[in-house]
Every structure is written in C-alpha cells, then in structure tokens.
C-alpha cells in the first residue's frame, strides 16, 4: 500500500493529485496533501465528508483513507471505515495503531503532523 515502482519522471503536483482524489470520492473534500513523499511512496489523503445539500447532513463516506500513485494519480489503496479500527493490533493496522498511540500520548489526540508548531 505504501510504495509504487520509482519512475524516471517527477510526481504530479499536489493540486493535481487532490483533483484526482476528488474525482474518485466526489462527496469528500481533501484539506491535507502530503508534499514530502520520497520517490516511490504513495500519497496519502484523509477524506472529510461534504455536506449533502438535500439533507444538510454530511455524506456517509465508507472510506477513511485514500492512497494514490504520485506519478499517475491512480488509486493504489483505500482503508474503509469498518477496517480502520486499531484493536486488535494486526499486521494490517500496526502503523495506524502506533500513530494513534503517538498522537494521543504526544498531543491532544488531534493528530497534528507538525510538532514544531506546537507550543
């Protein structure tokens, strides 16, 4: 899920990747684009539901995480909400478990990615 073959060409720019993610999940918005990927790393997106104008409530997204190939913008993987739990710890959710532990012990649980900005 986290790597693709390295190509001898640059990654797509972050806004283009966000547009590709938006096309895949049109009822979601994407407010975070990881711009610090190493060659071969996939790009991570955390979709947030848009508001359904008919009901005034957020759309129900079944996707908790979306991963795109940085060279093509194609979907490489997604984590569905029913698979996003951190317990029991398995090979599939070990990284998420460590991240959750870190963000809850280090910070206020809001998953801040830039610790340098914290007081």
PDB file of N, CA and C in Angstrom:
ATOM      1  N   UNK A   1       0.817  -1.189   0.000  1.00  0.00           N
ATOM      2  CA  UNK A   1       0.000   0.000   0.000  1.00  0.00           C
ATOM      3  C   UNK A   1       0.860   1.252   0.000  1.00  0.00           C
ATOM      4  N   UNK A   2       2.085   1.189   0.511  1.00  0.00           N
ATOM      5  CA  UNK A   2       2.841   2.412   0.710  1.00  0.00           C
ATOM      6  C   UNK A   2       3.887   2.695  -0.351  1.00  0.00           C
ATOM      7  N   UNK A   3       4.065   1.801  -1.320  1.00  0.00           N
ATOM      8  CA  UNK A   3       5.102   2.030  -2.329  1.00  0.00           C
ATOM      9  C   UNK A   3       4.616   1.669  -3.722  1.00  0.00           C
ATOM     10  N   UNK A   4       5.172   2.388  -4.701  1.00  0.00           N
ATOM     11  CA  UNK A   4       4.962   2.088  -6.118  1.00  0.00           C
ATOM     12  C   UNK A   4       6.341   2.083  -6.771  1.00  0.00           C
ATOM     13  N   UNK A   5       6.482   1.458  -7.926  1.00  0.00           N
ATOM     14  CA  UNK A   5       7.789   1.484  -8.594  1.00  0.00           C
ATOM     15  C   UNK A   5       8.223   2.922  -8.899  1.00  0.00           C
ATOM     16  N   UNK A   6       9.487   3.211  -8.642  1.00  0.00           N
ATOM     17  CA  UNK A   6      10.027   4.540  -8.913  1.00  0.00           C
ATOM     18  C   UNK A   6      10.139   4.732 -10.413  1.00  0.00           C
ATOM     19  N   UNK A   7       9.707   5.905 -10.876  1.00  0.00           N
ATOM     20  CA  UNK A   7       9.780   6.218 -12.302  1.00  0.00           C
ATOM     21  C   UNK A   7      10.767   7.359 -12.512  1.00  0.00           C
ATOM     22  N   UNK A   8      11.264   7.433 -13.695  1.00  0.00           N
ATOM     23  CA  UNK A   8      12.214   8.480 -14.026  1.00  0.00           C
ATOM     24  C   UNK A   8      11.456   9.718 -14.527  1.00  0.00           C
ATOM     25  N   UNK A   9      10.539  10.192 -13.730  1.00  0.00           N
ATOM     26  CA  UNK A   9       9.786  11.402 -14.038  1.00  0.00           C
ATOM     27  C   UNK A   9       9.291  11.985 -12.721  1.00  0.00           C
ATOM     28  N   UNK A  10       8.960  13.251 -12.704  1.00  0.00           N
ATOM     29  CA  UNK A  10       8.533  13.871 -11.441  1.00  0.00           C
ATOM     30  C   UNK A  10       7.125  13.424 -11.040  1.00  0.00           C
ATOM     31  N   UNK A  11       6.844  13.598  -9.754  1.00  0.00           N
ATOM     32  CA  UNK A  11       5.487  13.354  -9.251  1.00  0.00           C
ATOM     33  C   UNK A  11       4.540  14.387  -9.834  1.00  0.00           C
ATOM     34  N   UNK A  12       3.274  14.031  -9.890  1.00  0.00           N
ATOM     35  CA  UNK A  12       2.255  15.031 -10.224  1.00  0.00           C
ATOM     36  C   UNK A  12       2.240  16.073  -9.112  1.00  0.00           C
ATOM     37  N   UNK A  13       1.857  17.283  -9.454  1.00  0.00           N
ATOM     38  CA  UNK A  13       1.830  18.315  -8.416  1.00  0.00           C
ATOM     39  C   UNK A  13       0.699  18.025  -7.429  1.00  0.00           C
ATOM     40  N   UNK A  14       0.808  18.512  -6.193  1.00  0.00           N
ATOM     41  CA  UNK A  14      -0.183  18.194  -5.144  1.00  0.00           C
ATOM     42  C   UNK A  14      -1.617  18.580  -5.490  1.00  0.00           C
ATOM     43  N   UNK A  15      -1.806  19.687  -6.177  1.00  0.00           N
ATOM     44  CA  UNK A  15      -3.174  20.081  -6.526  1.00  0.00           C
ATOM     45  C   UNK A  15      -3.790  19.137  -7.555  1.00  0.00           C
ATOM     46  N   UNK A  16      -2.988  18.656  -8.488  1.00  0.00           N
ATOM     47  CA  UNK A  16      -3.483  17.676  -9.456  1.00  0.00           C
ATOM     48  C   UNK A  16      -3.846  16.373  -8.746  1.00  0.00           C
ATOM     49  N   UNK A  17      -3.010  15.963  -7.807  1.00  0.00           N
ATOM     50  CA  UNK A  17      -3.320  14.749  -7.043  1.00  0.00           C
ATOM     51  C   UNK A  17      -4.601  14.927  -6.241  1.00  0.00           C
ATOM     52  N   UNK A  18      -4.794  16.101  -5.669  1.00  0.00           N
ATOM     53  CA  UNK A  18      -6.034  16.361  -4.924  1.00  0.00           C
ATOM     54  C   UNK A  18      -7.238  16.307  -5.856  1.00  0.00           C
ATOM     55  N   UNK A  19      -7.111  16.833  -7.071  1.00  0.00           N
ATOM     56  CA  UNK A  19      -8.202  16.761  -8.053  1.00  0.00           C
ATOM     57  C   UNK A  19      -8.515  15.310  -8.411  1.00  0.00           C
ATOM     58  N   UNK A  20      -7.482  14.479  -8.524  1.00  0.00           N
ATOM     59  CA  UNK A  20      -7.701  13.050  -8.818  1.00  0.00           C
ATOM     60  C   UNK A  20      -8.431  12.380  -7.655  1.00  0.00           C
ATOM     61  N   UNK A  21      -8.032  12.715  -6.423  1.00  0.00           N
ATOM     62  CA  UNK A  21      -8.716  12.158  -5.256  1.00  0.00           C
ATOM     63  C   UNK A  21     -10.176  12.605  -5.239  1.00  0.00           C
ATOM     64  N   UNK A  22     -10.411  13.865  -5.574  1.00  0.00           N
ATOM     65  CA  UNK A  22     -11.776  14.403  -5.608  1.00  0.00           C
ATOM     66  C   UNK A  22     -12.628  13.679  -6.647  1.00  0.00           C
ATOM     67  N   UNK A  23     -12.035  13.320  -7.780  1.00  0.00           N
ATOM     68  CA  UNK A  23     -12.770  12.587  -8.814  1.00  0.00           C
ATOM     69  C   UNK A  23     -13.133  11.178  -8.341  1.00  0.00           C
ATOM     70  N   UNK A  24     -12.260  10.583  -7.534  1.00  0.00           N
ATOM     71  CA  UNK A  24     -12.512   9.234  -7.025  1.00  0.00           C
ATOM     72  C   UNK A  24     -13.591   9.255  -5.940  1.00  0.00           C
ATOM     73  N   UNK A  25     -13.540  10.254  -5.060  1.00  0.00           N
ATOM     74  CA  UNK A  25     -14.517  10.389  -3.972  1.00  0.00           C
ATOM     75  C   UNK A  25     -15.174  11.766  -4.055  1.00  0.00           C
ATOM     76  N   UNK A  26     -16.173  11.926  -4.933  1.00  0.00           N
ATOM     77  CA  UNK A  26     -16.757  13.254  -5.151  1.00  0.00           C
ATOM     78  C   UNK A  26     -17.519  13.835  -3.961  1.00  0.00           C
ATOM     79  N   UNK A  27     -17.949  13.023  -3.019  1.00  0.00           N
ATOM     80  CA  UNK A  27     -18.658  13.533  -1.850  1.00  0.00           C
ATOM     81  C   UNK A  27     -17.727  13.854  -0.688  1.00  0.00           C
ATOM     82  N   UNK A  28     -16.437  13.885  -0.980  1.00  0.00           N
ATOM     83  CA  UNK A  28     -15.443  14.181   0.055  1.00  0.00           C
ATOM     84  C   UNK A  28     -14.670  15.434  -0.321  1.00  0.00           C
ATOM     85  N   UNK A  29     -14.085  16.045   0.698  1.00  0.00           N
ATOM     86  CA  UNK A  29     -13.128  17.127   0.461  1.00  0.00           C
ATOM     87  C   UNK A  29     -11.806  16.695   1.083  1.00  0.00           C
ATOM     88  N   UNK A  30     -10.747  17.265   0.564  1.00  0.00           N
ATOM     89  CA  UNK A  30      -9.407  16.881   0.990  1.00  0.00           C
ATOM     90  C   UNK A  30      -8.643  18.144   1.355  1.00  0.00           C
ATOM     91  N   UNK A  31      -8.406  18.327   2.643  1.00  0.00           N
ATOM     92  CA  UNK A  31      -7.755  19.529   3.130  1.00  0.00           C
ATOM     93  C   UNK A  31      -6.284  19.333   3.437  1.00  0.00           C
ATOM     94  N   UNK A  32      -5.765  18.141   3.230  1.00  0.00           N
ATOM     95  CA  UNK A  32      -4.369  17.840   3.532  1.00  0.00           C
ATOM     96  C   UNK A  32      -3.769  17.067   2.376  1.00  0.00           C
ATOM     97  N   UNK A  33      -2.650  17.542   1.870  1.00  0.00           N
ATOM     98  CA  UNK A  33      -1.896  16.833   0.840  1.00  0.00           C
ATOM     99  C   UNK A  33      -0.472  16.708   1.348  1.00  0.00           C
ATOM    100  N   UNK A  34       0.032  15.489   1.426  1.00  0.00           N
ATOM    101  CA  UNK A  34       1.392  15.262   1.881  1.00  0.00           C
ATOM    102  C   UNK A  34       2.355  15.598   0.751  1.00  0.00           C
ATOM    103  N   UNK A  35       3.119  16.678   0.922  1.00  0.00           N
ATOM    104  CA  UNK A  35       4.028  17.128  -0.125  1.00  0.00           C
ATOM    105  C   UNK A  35       5.453  16.638   0.098  1.00  0.00           C
ATOM    106  N   UNK A  36       5.687  15.862   1.141  1.00  0.00           N
ATOM    107  CA  UNK A  36       7.027  15.400   1.474  1.00  0.00           C
ATOM    108  C   UNK A  36       7.167  13.896   1.284  1.00  0.00           C
ATOM    109  N   UNK A  37       6.823  13.416   0.117  1.00  0.00           N
ATOM    110  CA  UNK A  37       6.952  11.987  -0.135  1.00  0.00           C
ATOM    111  C   UNK A  37       8.298  11.687  -0.773  1.00  0.00           C
ATOM    112  N   UNK A  38       8.841  10.547  -0.453  1.00  0.00           N
ATOM    113  CA  UNK A  38      10.076  10.075  -1.062  1.00  0.00           C
ATOM    114  C   UNK A  38       9.744   9.371  -2.374  1.00  0.00           C
ATOM    115  N   UNK A  39      10.728   9.247  -3.268  1.00  0.00           N
ATOM    116  CA  UNK A  39      10.466   8.520  -4.524  1.00  0.00           C
ATOM    117  C   UNK A  39       9.919   7.120  -4.232  1.00  0.00           C
ATOM    118  N   UNK A  40       8.818   6.804  -4.884  1.00  0.00           N
ATOM    119  CA  UNK A  40       8.198   5.502  -4.713  1.00  0.00           C
ATOM    120  C   UNK A  40       7.119   5.441  -3.647  1.00  0.00           C
ATOM    121  N   UNK A  41       7.050   6.447  -2.772  1.00  0.00           N
ATOM    122  CA  UNK A  41       5.996   6.466  -1.747  1.00  0.00           C
ATOM    123  C   UNK A  41       4.673   6.887  -2.366  1.00  0.00           C
ATOM    124  N   UNK A  42       3.591   6.271  -1.906  1.00  0.00           N
ATOM    125  CA  UNK A  42       2.266   6.693  -2.343  1.00  0.00           C
ATOM    126  C   UNK A  42       1.872   7.959  -1.578  1.00  0.00           C
ATOM    127  N   UNK A  43       0.874   8.654  -2.092  1.00  0.00           N
ATOM    128  CA  UNK A  43       0.402   9.883  -1.461  1.00  0.00           C
ATOM    129  C   UNK A  43      -0.865   9.570  -0.678  1.00  0.00           C
ATOM    130  N   UNK A  44      -0.899  10.038   0.554  1.00  0.00           N
ATOM    131  CA  UNK A  44      -1.983   9.754   1.495  1.00  0.00           C
ATOM    132  C   UNK A  44      -2.971  10.902   1.516  1.00  0.00           C
ATOM    133  N   UNK A  45      -4.258  10.565   1.519  1.00  0.00           N
ATOM    134  CA  UNK A  45      -5.336  11.543   1.669  1.00  0.00           C
ATOM    135  C   UNK A  45      -6.298  11.056   2.740  1.00  0.00           C
ATOM    136  N   UNK A  46      -6.775  11.968   3.559  1.00  0.00           N
ATOM    137  CA  UNK A  46      -7.796  11.661   4.565  1.00  0.00           C
ATOM    138  C   UNK A  46      -9.073  12.396   4.159  1.00  0.00           C
ATOM    139  N   UNK A  47     -10.026  11.695   3.572  1.00  0.00           N
ATOM    140  CA  UNK A  47     -11.246  12.367   3.116  1.00  0.00           C
ATOM    141  C   UNK A  47     -12.126  12.823   4.273  1.00  0.00           C
ATOM    142  N   UNK A  48     -12.715  13.989   4.092  1.00  0.00           N
ATOM    143  CA  UNK A  48     -13.705  14.516   5.026  1.00  0.00           C
ATOM    144  C   UNK A  48     -15.007  14.678   4.260  1.00  0.00           C
ATOM    145  N   UNK A  49     -16.138  14.289   4.841  1.00  0.00           N
ATOM    146  CA  UNK A  49     -17.393  14.342   4.088  1.00  0.00           C
ATOM    147  C   UNK A  49     -17.860  15.764   3.816  1.00  0.00           C
ATOM    148  N   UNK A  50     -18.346  15.973   2.609  1.00  0.00           N
ATOM    149  CA  UNK A  50     -19.015  17.231   2.270  1.00  0.00           C
ATOM    150  C   UNK A  50     -20.433  17.168   2.838  1.00  0.00           C
ATOM    151  N   UNK A  51     -21.104  18.300   2.865  1.00  0.00           N
ATOM    152  CA  UNK A  51     -22.486  18.360   3.336  1.00  0.00           C
ATOM    153  C   UNK A  51     -23.431  18.105   2.174  1.00  0.00           C
ATOM    154  N   UNK A  52     -24.368  17.208   2.387  1.00  0.00           N
ATOM    155  CA  UNK A  52     -25.396  16.916   1.392  1.00  0.00           C
ATOM    156  C   UNK A  52     -26.385  18.070   1.405  1.00  0.00           C
ATOM    157  N   UNK A  53     -26.525  18.821   0.299  1.00  0.00           N
ATOM    158  CA  UNK A  53     -27.430  19.976   0.302  1.00  0.00           C
ATOM    159  C   UNK A  53     -28.898  19.585   0.486  1.00  0.00           C
ATOM    160  N   UNK A  54     -29.258  18.361   0.135  1.00  0.00           N
ATOM    161  CA  UNK A  54     -30.642  17.918   0.269  1.00  0.00           C
ATOM    162  C   UNK A  54     -31.032  17.673   1.723  1.00  0.00           C
ATOM    163  N   UNK A  55     -30.071  17.200   2.535  1.00  0.00           N
ATOM    164  CA  UNK A  55     -30.384  16.861   3.925  1.00  0.00           C
ATOM    165  C   UNK A  55     -29.740  17.804   4.932  1.00  0.00           C
ATOM    166  N   UNK A  56     -28.697  18.522   4.502  1.00  0.00           N
ATOM    167  CA  UNK A  56     -27.966  19.369   5.433  1.00  0.00           C
ATOM    168  C   UNK A  56     -27.028  18.592   6.340  1.00  0.00           C
ATOM    169  N   UNK A  57     -26.898  17.288   6.091  1.00  0.00           N
ATOM    170  CA  UNK A  57     -26.028  16.432   6.894  1.00  0.00           C
ATOM    171  C   UNK A  57     -24.835  15.993   6.060  1.00  0.00           C
ATOM    172  N   UNK A  58     -23.740  15.598   6.714  1.00  0.00           N
ATOM    173  CA  UNK A  58     -22.582  15.122   5.954  1.00  0.00           C
ATOM    174  C   UNK A  58     -22.909  13.828   5.205  1.00  0.00           C
ATOM    175  N   UNK A  59     -22.307  13.703   4.020  1.00  0.00           N
ATOM    176  CA  UNK A  59     -22.427  12.447   3.286  1.00  0.00           C
ATOM    177  C   UNK A  59     -21.772  11.338   4.112  1.00  0.00           C
ATOM    178  N   UNK A  60     -22.281  10.132   3.970  1.00  0.00           N
ATOM    179  CA  UNK A  60     -21.692   8.984   4.646  1.00  0.00           C
ATOM    180  C   UNK A  60     -20.604   8.412   3.746  1.00  0.00           C
ATOM    181  N   UNK A  61     -19.358   8.617   4.143  1.00  0.00           N
ATOM    182  CA  UNK A  61     -18.234   8.087   3.379  1.00  0.00           C
ATOM    183  C   UNK A  61     -17.830   6.743   3.968  1.00  0.00           C
ATOM    184  N   UNK A  62     -17.639   5.756   3.120  1.00  0.00           N
ATOM    185  CA  UNK A  62     -17.166   4.463   3.620  1.00  0.00           C
ATOM    186  C   UNK A  62     -15.643   4.400   3.628  1.00  0.00           C
ATOM    187  N   UNK A  63     -15.003   5.446   3.135  1.00  0.00           N
ATOM    188  CA  UNK A  63     -13.549   5.466   3.009  1.00  0.00           C
ATOM    189  C   UNK A  63     -12.936   6.373   4.077  1.00  0.00           C
ATOM    190  N   UNK A  64     -11.991   5.829   4.843  1.00  0.00           N
ATOM    191  CA  UNK A  64     -11.309   6.607   5.873  1.00  0.00           C
ATOM    192  C   UNK A  64      -9.951   7.117   5.407  1.00  0.00           C
ATOM    193  N   UNK A  65      -9.324   6.415   4.466  1.00  0.00           N
ATOM    194  CA  UNK A  65      -8.023   6.793   3.932  1.00  0.00           C
ATOM    195  C   UNK A  65      -7.984   6.429   2.456  1.00  0.00           C
ATOM    196  N   UNK A  66      -7.339   7.288   1.666  1.00  0.00           N
ATOM    197  CA  UNK A  66      -7.188   7.050   0.236  1.00  0.00           C
ATOM    198  C   UNK A  66      -5.721   7.236  -0.123  1.00  0.00           C
ATOM    199  N   UNK A  67      -5.162   6.307  -0.902  1.00  0.00           N
ATOM    200  CA  UNK A  67      -3.761   6.357  -1.307  1.00  0.00           C
ATOM    201  C   UNK A  67      -3.685   6.392  -2.825  1.00  0.00           C
ATOM    202  N   UNK A  68      -2.888   7.332  -3.358  1.00  0.00           N
ATOM    203  CA  UNK A  68      -2.749   7.484  -4.798  1.00  0.00           C
ATOM    204  C   UNK A  68      -1.300   7.312  -5.232  1.00  0.00           C
ATOM    205  N   UNK A  69      -1.146   6.813  -6.455  1.00  0.00           N
ATOM    206  CA  UNK A  69       0.165   6.730  -7.081  1.00  0.00           C
ATOM    207  C   UNK A  69       0.588   8.159  -7.427  1.00  0.00           C
ATOM    208  N   UNK A  70       1.745   8.629  -6.941  1.00  0.00           N
ATOM    209  CA  UNK A  70       2.133  10.023  -7.164  1.00  0.00           C
ATOM    210  C   UNK A  70       2.522  10.334  -8.608  1.00  0.00           C
ATOM    211  N   UNK A  71       2.785   9.307  -9.404  1.00  0.00           N
ATOM    212  CA  UNK A  71       3.172   9.513 -10.795  1.00  0.00           C
ATOM    213  C   UNK A  71       1.970   9.552 -11.733  1.00  0.00           C
ATOM    214  N   UNK A  72       0.916   8.801 -11.388  1.00  0.00           N
ATOM    215  CA  UNK A  72      -0.242   8.686 -12.286  1.00  0.00           C
ATOM    216  C   UNK A  72      -1.531   9.245 -11.692  1.00  0.00           C
ATOM    217  N   UNK A  73      -1.603   9.338 -10.376  1.00  0.00           N
ATOM    218  CA  UNK A  73      -2.839   9.761  -9.718  1.00  0.00           C
ATOM    219  C   UNK A  73      -3.849   8.645  -9.578  1.00  0.00           C
ATOM    220  N   UNK A  74      -3.480   7.430  -9.928  1.00  0.00           N
ATOM    221  CA  UNK A  74      -4.403   6.298  -9.796  1.00  0.00           C
ATOM    222  C   UNK A  74      -4.476   5.843  -8.347  1.00  0.00           C
ATOM    223  N   UNK A  75      -5.640   5.353  -7.970  1.00  0.00           N
ATOM    224  CA  UNK A  75      -5.831   4.820  -6.618  1.00  0.00           C
ATOM    225  C   UNK A  75      -5.014   3.545  -6.452  1.00  0.00           C
ATOM    226  N   UNK A  76      -4.252   3.485  -5.356  1.00  0.00           N
ATOM    227  CA  UNK A  76      -3.490   2.268  -5.066  1.00  0.00           C
ATOM    228  C   UNK A  76      -4.118   1.486  -3.925  1.00  0.00           C
ATOM    229  N   UNK A  77      -4.794   2.186  -3.024  1.00  0.00           N
ATOM    230  CA  UNK A  77      -5.439   1.506  -1.897  1.00  0.00           C
ATOM    231  C   UNK A  77      -6.387   2.467  -1.211  1.00  0.00           C
ATOM    232  N   UNK A  78      -7.286   1.888  -0.432  1.00  0.00           N
ATOM    233  CA  UNK A  78      -8.138   2.670   0.454  1.00  0.00           C
ATOM    234  C   UNK A  78      -8.421   1.862   1.693  1.00  0.00           C
ATOM    235  N   UNK A  79      -8.635   2.559   2.775  1.00  0.00           N
ATOM    236  CA  UNK A  79      -8.992   1.917   4.035  1.00  0.00           C
ATOM    237  C   UNK A  79     -10.438   2.285   4.300  1.00  0.00           C
ATOM    238  N   UNK A  80     -11.279   1.282   4.353  1.00  0.00           N
ATOM    239  CA  UNK A  80     -12.689   1.510   4.625  1.00  0.00           C
ATOM    240  C   UNK A  80     -12.904   1.720   6.109  1.00  0.00           C
ATOM    241  N   UNK A  81     -13.962   2.433   6.450  1.00  0.00           N
ATOM    242  CA  UNK A  81     -14.220   2.746   7.856  1.00  0.00           C
ATOM    243  C   UNK A  81     -14.330   1.504   8.714  1.00  0.00           C
ATOM    244  N   UNK A  82     -14.932   0.436   8.201  1.00  0.00           N
ATOM    245  CA  UNK A  82     -15.071  -0.764   9.023  1.00  0.00           C
ATOM    246  C   UNK A  82     -13.733  -1.441   9.264  1.00  0.00           C
ATOM    247  N   UNK A  83     -12.691  -1.095   8.507  1.00  0.00           N
ATOM    248  CA  UNK A  83     -11.376  -1.696   8.681  1.00  0.00           C
ATOM    249  C   UNK A  83     -10.384  -0.780   9.381  1.00  0.00           C
ATOM    250  N   UNK A  84     -10.841   0.377   9.854  1.00  0.00           N
ATOM    251  CA  UNK A  84      -9.891   1.347  10.377  1.00  0.00           C
ATOM    252  C   UNK A  84      -9.610   1.214  11.866  1.00  0.00           C
ATOM    253  N   UNK A  85     -10.237   0.300  12.550  1.00  0.00           N
ATOM    254  CA  UNK A  85     -10.014   0.161  13.976  1.00  0.00           C
ATOM    255  C   UNK A  85      -8.585  -0.205  14.316  1.00  0.00           C
ATOM    256  N   UNK A  86      -8.192   0.123  15.535  1.00  0.00           N
ATOM    257  CA  UNK A  86      -6.813  -0.155  15.934  1.00  0.00           C
ATOM    258  C   UNK A  86      -6.722  -1.327  16.892  1.00  0.00           C
ATOM    259  N   UNK A  87      -7.847  -1.956  17.199  1.00  0.00           N
ATOM    260  CA  UNK A  87      -7.798  -3.099  18.095  1.00  0.00           C
ATOM    261  C   UNK A  87      -8.646  -4.213  17.543  1.00  0.00           C
ATOM    262  N   UNK A  88      -8.171  -5.409  17.498  1.00  0.00           N
ATOM    263  CA  UNK A  88      -6.868  -5.890  17.938  1.00  0.00           C
ATOM    264  C   UNK A  88      -5.785  -5.472  16.953  1.00  0.00           C
ATOM    265  N   UNK A  89      -4.560  -5.385  17.435  1.00  0.00           N
ATOM    266  CA  UNK A  89      -3.436  -4.998  16.598  1.00  0.00           C
ATOM    267  C   UNK A  89      -3.066  -6.175  15.696  1.00  0.00           C
ATOM    268  N   UNK A  90      -2.996  -5.886  14.404  1.00  0.00           N
ATOM    269  CA  UNK A  90      -2.619  -6.889  13.408  1.00  0.00           C
ATOM    270  C   UNK A  90      -1.562  -6.293  12.482  1.00  0.00           C
ATOM    271  N   UNK A  91      -1.093  -7.078  11.554  1.00  0.00           N
ATOM    272  CA  UNK A  91      -0.146  -6.539  10.563  1.00  0.00           C
ATOM    273  C   UNK A  91      -0.774  -5.421   9.758  1.00  0.00           C
ATOM    274  N   UNK A  92      -2.058  -5.521   9.493  1.00  0.00           N
ATOM    275  CA  UNK A  92      -2.736  -4.532   8.654  1.00  0.00           C
ATOM    276  C   UNK A  92      -2.887  -3.184   9.344  1.00  0.00           C
ATOM    277  N   UNK A  93      -3.045  -3.177  10.668  1.00  0.00           N
ATOM    278  CA  UNK A  93      -3.298  -1.901  11.338  1.00  0.00           C
ATOM    279  C   UNK A  93      -2.190  -1.486  12.296  1.00  0.00           C
ATOM    280  N   UNK A  94      -1.039  -2.135  12.238  1.00  0.00           N
ATOM    281  CA  UNK A  94       0.040  -1.832  13.172  1.00  0.00           C
ATOM    282  C   UNK A  94       0.485  -0.373  13.070  1.00  0.00           C
ATOM    283  N   UNK A  95       0.692   0.116  11.837  1.00  0.00           N
ATOM    284  CA  UNK A  95       1.134   1.502  11.667  1.00  0.00           C
ATOM    285  C   UNK A  95       0.082   2.473  12.194  1.00  0.00           C
ATOM    286  N   UNK A  96      -1.179   2.209  11.907  1.00  0.00           N
ATOM    287  CA  UNK A  96      -2.248   3.076  12.416  1.00  0.00           C
ATOM    288  C   UNK A  96      -2.266   3.040  13.942  1.00  0.00           C
ATOM    289  N   UNK A  97      -2.076   1.879  14.524  1.00  0.00           N
ATOM    290  CA  UNK A  97      -2.060   1.752  15.975  1.00  0.00           C
ATOM    291  C   UNK A  97      -0.943   2.606  16.581  1.00  0.00           C
ATOM    292  N   UNK A  98       0.267   2.514  16.024  1.00  0.00           N
ATOM    293  CA  UNK A  98       1.391   3.309  16.518  1.00  0.00           C
ATOM    294  C   UNK A  98       1.087   4.804  16.359  1.00  0.00           C
ATOM    295  N   UNK A  99       0.537   5.187  15.229  1.00  0.00           N
ATOM    296  CA  UNK A  99       0.190   6.590  15.013  1.00  0.00           C
ATOM    297  C   UNK A  99      -0.838   7.066  16.044  1.00  0.00           C
ATOM    298  N   UNK A 100      -1.868   6.267  16.275  1.00  0.00           N
ATOM    299  CA  UNK A 100      -2.898   6.646  17.244  1.00  0.00           C
ATOM    300  C   UNK A 100      -2.321   6.772  18.649  1.00  0.00           C
ATOM    301  N   UNK A 101      -1.483   5.816  19.033  1.00  0.00           N
ATOM    302  CA  UNK A 101      -0.838   5.885  20.349  1.00  0.00           C
ATOM    303  C   UNK A 101       0.014   7.143  20.441  1.00  0.00           C
ATOM    304  N   UNK A 102       0.811   7.392  19.417  1.00  0.00           N
ATOM    305  CA  UNK A 102       1.683   8.566  19.412  1.00  0.00           C
ATOM    306  C   UNK A 102       0.877   9.862  19.516  1.00  0.00           C
ATOM    307  N   UNK A 103      -0.144   9.997  18.678  1.00  0.00           N
ATOM    308  CA  UNK A 103      -0.890  11.254  18.666  1.00  0.00           C
ATOM    309  C   UNK A 103      -1.677  11.451  19.950  1.00  0.00           C
ATOM    310  N   UNK A 104      -2.119  10.375  20.579  1.00  0.00           N
ATOM    311  CA  UNK A 104      -2.864  10.526  21.827  1.00  0.00           C
ATOM    312  C   UNK A 104      -1.960  10.734  23.036  1.00  0.00           C
ATOM    313  N   UNK A 105      -0.763  10.189  23.016  1.00  0.00           N
ATOM    314  CA  UNK A 105       0.161  10.406  24.124  1.00  0.00           C
ATOM    315  C   UNK A 105       0.921  11.717  23.974  1.00  0.00           C
ATOM    316  N   UNK A 106       1.306  12.037  22.741  1.00  0.00           N
ATOM    317  CA  UNK A 106       2.110  13.227  22.499  1.00  0.00           C
ATOM    318  C   UNK A 106       1.273  14.497  22.549  1.00  0.00           C
ATOM    319  N   UNK A 107       0.129  14.444  21.922  1.00  0.00           N
ATOM    320  CA  UNK A 107      -0.677  15.654  21.794  1.00  0.00           C
ATOM    321  C   UNK A 107      -2.051  15.475  22.386  1.00  0.00           C
ATOM    322  N   UNK A 108      -2.943  16.240  21.852  1.00  0.00           N
ATOM    323  CA  UNK A 108      -4.314  16.226  22.355  1.00  0.00           C
ATOM    324  C   UNK A 108      -5.203  15.258  21.595  1.00  0.00           C
ATOM    325  N   UNK A 109      -4.603  14.399  20.762  1.00  0.00           N
ATOM    326  CA  UNK A 109      -5.377  13.420  20.010  1.00  0.00           C
ATOM    327  C   UNK A 109      -5.871  13.934  18.686  1.00  0.00           C
ATOM    328  N   UNK A 110      -5.508  15.172  18.334  1.00  0.00           N
ATOM    329  CA  UNK A 110      -5.995  15.737  17.083  1.00  0.00           C
ATOM    330  C   UNK A 110      -5.106  15.403  15.903  1.00  0.00           C
ATOM    331  N   UNK A 111      -4.068  14.608  16.113  1.00  0.00           N
ATOM    332  CA  UNK A 111      -3.192  14.126  15.048  1.00  0.00           C
ATOM    333  C   UNK A 111      -2.495  15.262  14.314  1.00  0.00           C
ATOM    334  N   UNK A 112      -1.868  16.153  15.051  1.00  0.00           N
ATOM    335  CA  UNK A 112      -1.077  17.200  14.423  1.00  0.00           C
ATOM    336  C   UNK A 112       0.148  16.583  13.782  1.00  0.00           C
ATOM    337  N   UNK A 113       0.413  16.947  12.537  1.00  0.00           N
ATOM    338  CA  UNK A 113       1.527  16.361  11.817  1.00  0.00           C
ATOM    339  C   UNK A 113       2.807  17.150  11.968  1.00  0.00           C
ATOM    340  N   UNK A 114       2.727  18.363  12.413  1.00  0.00           N
ATOM    341  CA  UNK A 114       3.926  19.203  12.504  1.00  0.00           C
ATOM    342  C   UNK A 114       4.160  19.552  13.973  1.00  0.00           C
ATOM    343  N   UNK A 115       5.007  18.780  14.639  1.00  0.00           N
ATOM    344  CA  UNK A 115       5.208  19.015  16.057  1.00  0.00           C
ATOM    345  C   UNK A 115       5.927  20.324  16.321  1.00  0.00           C
ATOM    346  N   UNK A 116       6.620  20.869  15.326  1.00  0.00           N
ATOM    347  CA  UNK A 116       7.340  22.126  15.526  1.00  0.00           C
ATOM    348  C   UNK A 116       6.381  23.286  15.767  1.00  0.00           C
ATOM    349  N   UNK A 117       5.121  23.152  15.338  1.00  0.00           N
ATOM    350  CA  UNK A 117       4.178  24.240  15.515  1.00  0.00           C
ATOM    351  C   UNK A 117       3.503  24.220  16.876  1.00  0.00           C
ATOM    352  N   UNK A 118       3.742  23.181  17.646  1.00  0.00           N
ATOM    353  CA  UNK A 118       3.121  23.081  18.960  1.00  0.00           C
ATOM    354  C   UNK A 118       3.889  23.924  19.964  1.00  0.00           C
ATOM    355  N   UNK A 119       3.209  24.525  20.945  1.00  0.00           N
ATOM    356  CA  UNK A 119       3.886  25.352  21.938  1.00  0.00           C
ATOM    357  C   UNK A 119       4.771  24.544  22.852  1.00  0.00           C
TER     358      UNK A 119
END
